[in-house]
Amino acid sequence: MLIHKSPRKRGENLAQNLQYSKRRQHLCRIMEGGNIFKLSIAQFIVRLLLGGIFVYASLDKIAYPEEFAKIVQNYNILPRFSVKIVAYLLPWIELILGIFLIVGLFIRESAFALSFLLLIFMIIIGVKSLNGTLENCGCFSNSSPLSSSNMFIIVLRDVFFLLCGILLIITDRKKTLTKNFI
């Protein structure tokens, strides 16, 4: 007995074959070493750098939350009841978003969230330093080579990290790849 497929089924198979063909062409372009491949190497390095920085910055804050809470309190911008909440929650957010960047999950979203946090930190640090009330920014532990009390170095460092985040937001190719693979 011969079974005929309905026209709808044949149309679905044709669409699946066309989609498979697009995926194959895209993979061939990547394997040929086009611009996408070069961009993903640079993106990978920036992801490791930015993600690693935030993981590193979060570890001391997670290990010593009471000390970090004192630093947050010294900024005098949060109500007293929320200082400990922020001091306990913020380092974990930095850690998780940093890990996401390192392993390549939610790249654009993680880079956006970290860039937003950096922008907020930069504004707060800038205002506090202009007022002359900034003692310790609390970004890294005091023994860290990335820690500094020099405002120029802090701003330069944060601008560099912000540019890395913006680069990841702009160049995230996962959205394009996902479209072609689904």
C-alpha atoms as a PDB file:
ATOM      1  CA  MET A   1       0.000   0.000   0.000  1.00  0.00           C
ATOM      2  CA  LEU A   2       1.411   3.370  -1.019  1.00  0.00           C
ATOM      3  CA  ILE A   3       0.975   6.262   1.400  1.00  0.00           C
ATOM      4  CA  HIS A   4       1.044   9.779   0.009  1.00  0.00           C
ATOM      5  CA  LYS A   5       2.082  12.691   2.133  1.00  0.00           C
ATOM      6  CA  SER A   6      -0.247  15.633   2.317  1.00  0.00           C
ATOM      7  CA  PRO A   7       0.903  18.818   0.565  1.00  0.00           C
ATOM      8  CA  ARG A   8       1.298  20.445   3.945  1.00  0.00           C
ATOM      9  CA  LYS A   9       3.793  17.797   5.068  1.00  0.00           C
ATOM     10  CA  ARG A  10       5.775  18.112   1.839  1.00  0.00           C
ATOM     11  CA  GLY A  11       5.912  21.900   2.322  1.00  0.00           C
ATOM     12  CA  GLU A  12       7.181  21.474   5.869  1.00  0.00           C
ATOM     13  CA  ASN A  13       9.926  19.107   4.691  1.00  0.00           C
ATOM     14  CA  LEU A  14      10.958  21.592   2.002  1.00  0.00           C
ATOM     15  CA  ALA A  15      11.183  24.356   4.601  1.00  0.00           C
ATOM     16  CA  GLN A  16      13.262  22.104   6.873  1.00  0.00           C
ATOM     17  CA  ASN A  17      15.636  21.260   4.010  1.00  0.00           C
ATOM     18  CA  LEU A  18      16.007  24.941   3.145  1.00  0.00           C
ATOM     19  CA  GLN A  19      16.741  25.751   6.779  1.00  0.00           C
ATOM     20  CA  TYR A  20      19.327  22.937   6.926  1.00  0.00           C
ATOM     21  CA  SER A  21      20.957  24.307   3.789  1.00  0.00           C
ATOM     22  CA  LYS A  22      21.225  27.791   5.335  1.00  0.00           C
ATOM     23  CA  ARG A  23      22.851  26.336   8.447  1.00  0.00           C
ATOM     24  CA  ARG A  24      25.349  24.434   6.340  1.00  0.00           C
ATOM     25  CA  GLN A  25      26.265  27.534   4.308  1.00  0.00           C
ATOM     26  CA  HIS A  26      26.721  29.532   7.492  1.00  0.00           C
ATOM     27  CA  LEU A  27      29.000  26.897   9.019  1.00  0.00           C
ATOM     28  CA  CYS A  28      31.077  26.816   5.843  1.00  0.00           C
ATOM     29  CA  ARG A  29      31.554  30.605   6.005  1.00  0.00           C
ATOM     30  CA  ILE A  30      32.703  30.366   9.621  1.00  0.00           C
ATOM     31  CA  MET A  31      35.113  27.530   8.847  1.00  0.00           C
ATOM     32  CA  GLU A  32      36.615  29.473   5.949  1.00  0.00           C
ATOM     33  CA  GLY A  33      37.910  31.975   8.494  1.00  0.00           C
ATOM     34  CA  GLY A  34      35.853  35.007   7.558  1.00  0.00           C
ATOM     35  CA  ASN A  35      35.359  38.105   9.667  1.00  0.00           C
ATOM     36  CA  ILE A  36      32.943  36.326  11.989  1.00  0.00           C
ATOM     37  CA  PHE A  37      35.708  33.969  13.108  1.00  0.00           C
ATOM     38  CA  LYS A  38      38.160  36.817  13.748  1.00  0.00           C
ATOM     39  CA  LEU A  39      35.508  38.736  15.622  1.00  0.00           C
ATOM     40  CA  SER A  40      34.650  35.778  17.805  1.00  0.00           C
ATOM     41  CA  ILE A  41      38.298  35.404  18.887  1.00  0.00           C
ATOM     42  CA  ALA A  42      38.423  39.070  19.932  1.00  0.00           C
ATOM     43  CA  GLN A  43      35.018  38.745  21.553  1.00  0.00           C
ATOM     44  CA  PHE A  44      36.188  35.638  23.415  1.00  0.00           C
ATOM     45  CA  ILE A  45      39.222  37.490  24.798  1.00  0.00           C
ATOM     46  CA  VAL A  46      37.104  40.476  25.868  1.00  0.00           C
ATOM     47  CA  ARG A  47      34.531  38.130  27.431  1.00  0.00           C
ATOM     48  CA  LEU A  48      37.256  36.382  29.443  1.00  0.00           C
ATOM     49  CA  LEU A  49      38.780  39.689  30.502  1.00  0.00           C
ATOM     50  CA  LEU A  50      35.574  41.406  31.586  1.00  0.00           C
ATOM     51  CA  GLY A  51      34.038  38.277  33.092  1.00  0.00           C
ATOM     52  CA  GLY A  52      37.265  37.460  34.925  1.00  0.00           C
ATOM     53  CA  ILE A  53      37.525  40.990  36.328  1.00  0.00           C
ATOM     54  CA  PHE A  54      34.012  40.847  37.751  1.00  0.00           C
ATOM     55  CA  VAL A  55      34.494  37.343  39.160  1.00  0.00           C
ATOM     56  CA  TYR A  56      37.758  38.490  40.764  1.00  0.00           C
ATOM     57  CA  ALA A  57      36.144  41.656  42.145  1.00  0.00           C
ATOM     58  CA  SER A  58      33.241  39.727  43.648  1.00  0.00           C
ATOM     59  CA  LEU A  59      35.274  37.119  45.526  1.00  0.00           C
ATOM     60  CA  ASP A  60      36.617  39.424  48.248  1.00  0.00           C
ATOM     61  CA  LYS A  61      33.198  41.048  48.674  1.00  0.00           C
ATOM     62  CA  ILE A  62      31.573  37.632  49.065  1.00  0.00           C
ATOM     63  CA  ALA A  63      34.260  36.470  51.508  1.00  0.00           C
ATOM     64  CA  TYR A  64      33.991  39.623  53.669  1.00  0.00           C
ATOM     65  CA  PRO A  65      30.438  40.964  53.319  1.00  0.00           C
ATOM     66  CA  GLU A  66      30.524  43.006  56.539  1.00  0.00           C
ATOM     67  CA  GLU A  67      33.560  44.980  55.355  1.00  0.00           C
ATOM     68  CA  PHE A  68      31.920  45.569  51.996  1.00  0.00           C
ATOM     69  CA  ALA A  69      28.741  46.700  53.784  1.00  0.00           C
ATOM     70  CA  LYS A  70      30.817  49.354  55.612  1.00  0.00           C
ATOM     71  CA  ILE A  71      32.167  50.599  52.271  1.00  0.00           C
ATOM     72  CA  VAL A  72      28.636  50.748  50.817  1.00  0.00           C
ATOM     73  CA  GLN A  73      27.449  52.585  53.954  1.00  0.00           C
ATOM     74  CA  ASN A  74      30.257  55.158  53.555  1.00  0.00           C
ATOM     75  CA  TYR A  75      28.768  56.253  50.227  1.00  0.00           C
ATOM     76  CA  ASN A  76      25.681  57.522  52.141  1.00  0.00           C
ATOM     77  CA  ILE A  77      23.341  57.086  49.173  1.00  0.00           C
ATOM     78  CA  LEU A  78      21.251  54.123  50.342  1.00  0.00           C
ATOM     79  CA  PRO A  79      18.798  53.909  53.219  1.00  0.00           C
ATOM     80  CA  ARG A  80      20.346  52.139  56.207  1.00  0.00           C
ATOM     81  CA  PHE A  81      18.077  49.078  55.905  1.00  0.00           C
ATOM     82  CA  SER A  82      19.150  48.391  52.295  1.00  0.00           C
ATOM     83  CA  VAL A  83      22.922  48.632  52.782  1.00  0.00           C
ATOM     84  CA  LYS A  84      23.324  45.016  53.928  1.00  0.00           C
ATOM     85  CA  ILE A  85      20.966  43.772  51.214  1.00  0.00           C
ATOM     86  CA  VAL A  86      23.049  45.490  48.540  1.00  0.00           C
ATOM     87  CA  ALA A  87      26.316  44.410  50.165  1.00  0.00           C
ATOM     88  CA  TYR A  88      25.243  40.771  50.171  1.00  0.00           C
ATOM     89  CA  LEU A  89      23.442  40.736  46.813  1.00  0.00           C
ATOM     90  CA  LEU A  90      25.672  42.858  44.549  1.00  0.00           C
ATOM     91  CA  PRO A  91      28.793  40.632  44.724  1.00  0.00           C
ATOM     92  CA  TRP A  92      26.732  37.571  43.819  1.00  0.00           C
ATOM     93  CA  ILE A  93      25.254  39.405  40.839  1.00  0.00           C
ATOM     94  CA  GLU A  94      28.769  40.383  39.732  1.00  0.00           C
ATOM     95  CA  LEU A  95      29.939  36.778  40.170  1.00  0.00           C
ATOM     96  CA  ILE A  96      27.054  35.232  38.231  1.00  0.00           C
ATOM     97  CA  LEU A  97      27.217  37.758  35.368  1.00  0.00           C
ATOM     98  CA  GLY A  98      31.003  37.354  35.198  1.00  0.00           C
ATOM     99  CA  ILE A  99      30.650  33.572  34.977  1.00  0.00           C
ATOM    100  CA  PHE A 100      28.009  33.969  32.272  1.00  0.00           C
ATOM    101  CA  LEU A 101      30.459  36.026  30.215  1.00  0.00           C
ATOM    102  CA  ILE A 102      33.291  33.549  30.723  1.00  0.00           C
ATOM    103  CA  VAL A 103      31.242  30.521  29.671  1.00  0.00           C
ATOM    104  CA  GLY A 104      29.385  32.393  26.916  1.00  0.00           C
ATOM    105  CA  LEU A 105      25.848  32.371  28.303  1.00  0.00           C
ATOM    106  CA  PHE A 106      23.615  35.418  27.847  1.00  0.00           C
ATOM    107  CA  ILE A 107      26.575  37.416  26.514  1.00  0.00           C
ATOM    108  CA  ARG A 108      24.679  40.484  25.395  1.00  0.00           C
ATOM    109  CA  GLU A 109      22.439  40.571  28.466  1.00  0.00           C
ATOM    110  CA  SER A 110      25.326  40.020  30.886  1.00  0.00           C
ATOM    111  CA  ALA A 111      27.486  42.631  29.173  1.00  0.00           C
ATOM    112  CA  PHE A 112      24.585  45.091  29.254  1.00  0.00           C
ATOM    113  CA  ALA A 113      23.920  44.494  32.962  1.00  0.00           C
ATOM    114  CA  LEU A 114      27.607  44.783  33.868  1.00  0.00           C
ATOM    115  CA  SER A 115      28.006  47.919  31.741  1.00  0.00           C
ATOM    116  CA  PHE A 116      24.970  49.434  33.435  1.00  0.00           C
ATOM    117  CA  LEU A 117      26.452  48.621  36.848  1.00  0.00           C
ATOM    118  CA  LEU A 118      29.785  50.119  35.778  1.00  0.00           C
ATOM    119  CA  LEU A 119      28.063  53.286  34.639  1.00  0.00           C
ATOM    120  CA  ILE A 120      26.261  53.613  37.965  1.00  0.00           C
ATOM    121  CA  PHE A 121      29.507  52.950  39.865  1.00  0.00           C
ATOM    122  CA  MET A 122      31.339  55.544  37.770  1.00  0.00           C
ATOM    123  CA  ILE A 123      28.696  58.198  38.433  1.00  0.00           C
ATOM    124  CA  ILE A 124      28.658  57.514  42.176  1.00  0.00           C
ATOM    125  CA  ILE A 125      32.460  57.429  42.427  1.00  0.00           C
ATOM    126  CA  GLY A 126      32.713  60.618  40.361  1.00  0.00           C
ATOM    127  CA  VAL A 127      30.233  62.505  42.521  1.00  0.00           C
ATOM    128  CA  LYS A 128      31.855  61.310  45.746  1.00  0.00           C
ATOM    129  CA  SER A 129      35.351  62.205  44.562  1.00  0.00           C
ATOM    130  CA  LEU A 130      34.252  65.681  43.449  1.00  0.00           C
ATOM    131  CA  ASN A 131      32.821  66.212  46.932  1.00  0.00           C
ATOM    132  CA  GLY A 132      36.121  64.991  48.380  1.00  0.00           C
ATOM    133  CA  THR A 133      34.415  62.274  50.407  1.00  0.00           C
ATOM    134  CA  LEU A 134      35.689  59.188  48.564  1.00  0.00           C
ATOM    135  CA  GLU A 135      38.033  57.107  50.699  1.00  0.00           C
ATOM    136  CA  ASN A 136      37.824  53.655  49.149  1.00  0.00           C
ATOM    137  CA  CYS A 137      35.746  52.852  46.084  1.00  0.00           C
ATOM    138  CA  GLY A 138      35.307  49.214  47.208  1.00  0.00           C
ATOM    139  CA  CYS A 139      35.757  47.843  43.703  1.00  0.00           C
ATOM    140  CA  PHE A 140      38.526  45.440  44.681  1.00  0.00           C
ATOM    141  CA  SER A 141      40.192  44.379  47.907  1.00  0.00           C
ATOM    142  CA  ASN A 142      42.834  46.776  49.227  1.00  0.00           C
ATOM    143  CA  SER A 143      45.585  44.220  48.531  1.00  0.00           C
ATOM    144  CA  SER A 144      44.569  43.833  44.881  1.00  0.00           C
ATOM    145  CA  PRO A 145      46.845  45.218  42.156  1.00  0.00           C
ATOM    146  CA  LEU A 146      43.690  46.625  40.518  1.00  0.00           C
ATOM    147  CA  SER A 147      42.808  48.629  43.613  1.00  0.00           C
ATOM    148  CA  SER A 148      43.746  52.288  43.526  1.00  0.00           C
ATOM    149  CA  SER A 149      43.045  55.482  45.404  1.00  0.00           C
ATOM    150  CA  ASN A 150      44.088  57.601  42.410  1.00  0.00           C
ATOM    151  CA  MET A 151      40.880  58.933  40.871  1.00  0.00           C
ATOM    152  CA  PHE A 152      42.388  59.216  37.394  1.00  0.00           C
ATOM    153  CA  ILE A 153      43.370  55.525  37.411  1.00  0.00           C
ATOM    154  CA  ILE A 154      39.955  54.485  38.740  1.00  0.00           C
ATOM    155  CA  VAL A 155      38.147  56.411  35.986  1.00  0.00           C
ATOM    156  CA  LEU A 156      40.531  55.174  33.286  1.00  0.00           C
ATOM    157  CA  ARG A 157      40.140  51.566  34.475  1.00  0.00           C
ATOM    158  CA  ASP A 158      36.339  51.804  34.622  1.00  0.00           C
ATOM    159  CA  VAL A 159      36.107  53.464  31.198  1.00  0.00           C
ATOM    160  CA  PHE A 160      38.190  50.608  29.759  1.00  0.00           C
ATOM    161  CA  PHE A 161      35.877  48.025  31.368  1.00  0.00           C
ATOM    162  CA  LEU A 162      32.823  49.940  30.136  1.00  0.00           C
ATOM    163  CA  LEU A 163      34.198  49.967  26.575  1.00  0.00           C
ATOM    164  CA  CYS A 164      34.764  46.215  26.807  1.00  0.00           C
ATOM    165  CA  GLY A 165      31.127  45.769  27.850  1.00  0.00           C
ATOM    166  CA  ILE A 166      29.876  47.995  25.035  1.00  0.00           C
ATOM    167  CA  LEU A 167      32.020  46.054  22.565  1.00  0.00           C
ATOM    168  CA  LEU A 168      30.383  42.813  23.692  1.00  0.00           C
ATOM    169  CA  ILE A 169      26.906  44.319  23.417  1.00  0.00           C
ATOM    170  CA  ILE A 170      27.545  45.582  19.894  1.00  0.00           C
ATOM    171  CA  THR A 171      29.395  42.558  18.519  1.00  0.00           C
ATOM    172  CA  ASP A 172      27.446  39.687  20.065  1.00  0.00           C
ATOM    173  CA  ARG A 173      26.915  37.357  17.130  1.00  0.00           C
ATOM    174  CA  LYS A 174      24.975  34.751  19.067  1.00  0.00           C
ATOM    175  CA  LYS A 175      21.693  36.386  18.097  1.00  0.00           C
ATOM    176  CA  THR A 176      22.606  36.057  14.412  1.00  0.00           C
ATOM    177  CA  LEU A 177      23.866  32.505  14.827  1.00  0.00           C
ATOM    178  CA  THR A 178      20.778  31.512  16.789  1.00  0.00           C
ATOM    179  CA  LYS A 179      18.527  32.867  14.068  1.00  0.00           C
ATOM    180  CA  ASN A 180      20.326  30.804  11.462  1.00  0.00           C
ATOM    181  CA  PHE A 181      20.386  27.623  13.521  1.00  0.00           C
ATOM    182  CA  ILE A 182      16.755  27.572  14.645  1.00  0.00           C
END
